[in-house]
């Protein structure tokens, strides 16, 4: 169960061990979520707040994308004062789905 910290409820997280391959693939099928994962992969853990990502969606849609990523075991979030910061659960996700993140994080070939 999520704890209440400050003015909002702390996010709930799904451990990658509890995620099906279908859920993981569905989470990674969206271009915005892939962008979020790529930006997190290139950042230090807990250094990126939700509002620091350069994605073409509003606040509500961004919250939804993070919820999907948490539900797929890809992202962990915590509140630090007024900011919600993120980390990619790379090691845990890699243990559950070996090689999948590497495929997602590879540069796309240009045509």
Protein backbone atom coordinates (compact mmCIF):
# COMPACT_ATOMS: atom_id res chain seq x y z
CA UNK A 1 0.00 0.00 0.00
CA UNK A 2 1.23 3.50 -0.83
CA UNK A 3 2.31 5.81 1.98
CA UNK A 4 1.11 9.36 2.16
CA UNK A 5 3.99 11.84 2.14
CA UNK A 6 3.18 15.52 2.27
CA UNK A 7 0.28 16.58 0.08
CA UNK A 8 0.09 13.53 -2.16
CA UNK A 9 0.12 9.78 -1.96
CA UNK A 10 3.44 8.08 -2.64
CA UNK A 11 3.44 6.11 -5.90
CA UNK A 12 2.91 2.35 -5.91
CA UNK A 13 5.54 0.23 -7.60
CA UNK A 14 5.44 -3.17 -9.24
CA UNK A 15 8.57 -5.28 -8.98
CA UNK A 16 9.78 -6.54 -12.37
CA UNK A 17 9.51 -10.14 -11.09
CA UNK A 18 5.73 -9.61 -11.00
CA UNK A 19 5.49 -8.31 -14.58
CA UNK A 20 4.49 -10.37 -17.61
CA UNK A 21 6.37 -10.01 -20.87
CA UNK A 22 3.17 -8.64 -22.44
CA UNK A 23 3.00 -5.85 -19.84
CA UNK A 24 6.68 -5.01 -20.33
CA UNK A 25 6.34 -4.90 -24.11
CA UNK A 26 3.16 -2.83 -23.94
CA UNK A 27 4.89 -0.30 -21.68
CA UNK A 28 7.77 -0.03 -24.11
CA UNK A 29 5.56 0.19 -27.21
CA UNK A 30 4.80 3.89 -26.76
CA UNK A 31 7.27 6.45 -28.18
CA UNK A 32 6.84 8.83 -25.22
CA UNK A 33 7.59 6.07 -22.73
CA UNK A 34 10.62 4.95 -24.74
CA UNK A 35 11.84 8.55 -24.65
CA UNK A 36 11.38 8.67 -20.86
CA UNK A 37 13.27 5.39 -20.43
CA UNK A 38 16.09 6.58 -22.68
CA UNK A 39 16.43 9.88 -20.82
CA UNK A 40 16.46 8.06 -17.47
CA UNK A 41 19.09 5.62 -18.76
CA UNK A 42 21.37 8.56 -19.52
CA UNK A 43 20.86 10.23 -16.14
CA UNK A 44 22.12 9.59 -12.64
CA UNK A 45 19.66 7.76 -10.38
CA UNK A 46 17.18 10.02 -8.61
CA UNK A 47 18.41 13.10 -10.50
CA UNK A 48 15.40 13.64 -12.79
CA UNK A 49 12.14 15.12 -11.61
CA UNK A 50 8.99 14.39 -13.60
CA UNK A 51 8.88 17.91 -15.02
CA UNK A 52 12.44 17.74 -16.36
CA UNK A 53 11.67 15.51 -19.34
CA UNK A 54 11.38 16.92 -22.84
CA UNK A 55 8.28 15.11 -24.10
CA UNK A 56 5.37 16.47 -26.16
CA UNK A 57 2.61 15.71 -23.64
CA UNK A 58 0.84 17.56 -20.86
CA UNK A 59 1.17 16.97 -17.13
CA UNK A 60 -1.76 14.53 -16.89
CA UNK A 61 -0.53 12.44 -19.82
CA UNK A 62 3.00 12.44 -18.40
CA UNK A 63 1.65 11.16 -15.07
CA UNK A 64 -0.15 8.38 -16.94
CA UNK A 65 3.04 7.39 -18.79
CA UNK A 66 4.96 7.19 -15.51
CA UNK A 67 2.17 5.10 -13.99
CA UNK A 68 2.47 2.63 -16.89
CA UNK A 69 6.26 2.49 -16.49
CA UNK A 70 5.92 1.89 -12.73
CA UNK A 71 3.35 -0.83 -13.40
CA UNK A 72 5.77 -2.54 -15.76
CA UNK A 73 8.55 -2.45 -13.17
CA UNK A 74 10.70 -0.11 -15.25
CA UNK A 75 10.68 3.00 -13.09
CA UNK A 76 10.80 3.76 -9.40
CA UNK A 77 9.74 7.15 -8.05
CA UNK A 78 10.02 8.92 -4.73
CA UNK A 79 9.08 12.32 -3.42
CA UNK A 80 11.80 14.74 -2.39
CA UNK A 81 10.06 17.79 -1.03
CA UNK A 82 7.83 19.17 -3.78
CA UNK A 83 9.57 17.14 -6.51
CA UNK A 84 8.93 13.56 -7.57
CA UNK A 85 12.20 12.06 -8.74
CA UNK A 86 12.78 8.94 -10.81
CA UNK A 87 15.20 6.14 -11.40
CA UNK A 88 15.30 3.45 -14.05
CA UNK A 89 15.16 0.01 -12.43
CA UNK A 90 17.73 -1.22 -14.90
CA UNK A 91 19.32 -4.06 -12.90
CA UNK A 92 15.99 -5.44 -11.66
CA UNK A 93 14.38 -5.22 -15.10
CA UNK A 94 17.44 -6.76 -16.78
CA UNK A 95 17.32 -9.69 -14.35
CA UNK A 96 13.68 -10.33 -15.31
CA UNK A 97 13.95 -9.62 -19.06
CA UNK A 98 17.61 -10.06 -20.11
CA UNK A 99 18.54 -7.91 -23.09
CA UNK A 100 15.20 -6.16 -23.52
CA UNK A 101 16.35 -2.77 -22.23
CA UNK A 102 19.48 -2.96 -24.35
CA UNK A 103 17.28 -3.37 -27.42
CA UNK A 104 15.14 -0.39 -26.43
CA UNK A 105 18.13 1.80 -25.63
CA UNK A 106 19.97 1.06 -28.87
CA UNK A 107 20.06 3.91 -31.35
CA UNK A 108 17.49 3.55 -34.07
CA UNK A 109 19.03 2.85 -37.48
CA UNK A 110 18.52 5.65 -39.95
CA UNK A 111 16.86 4.75 -43.23
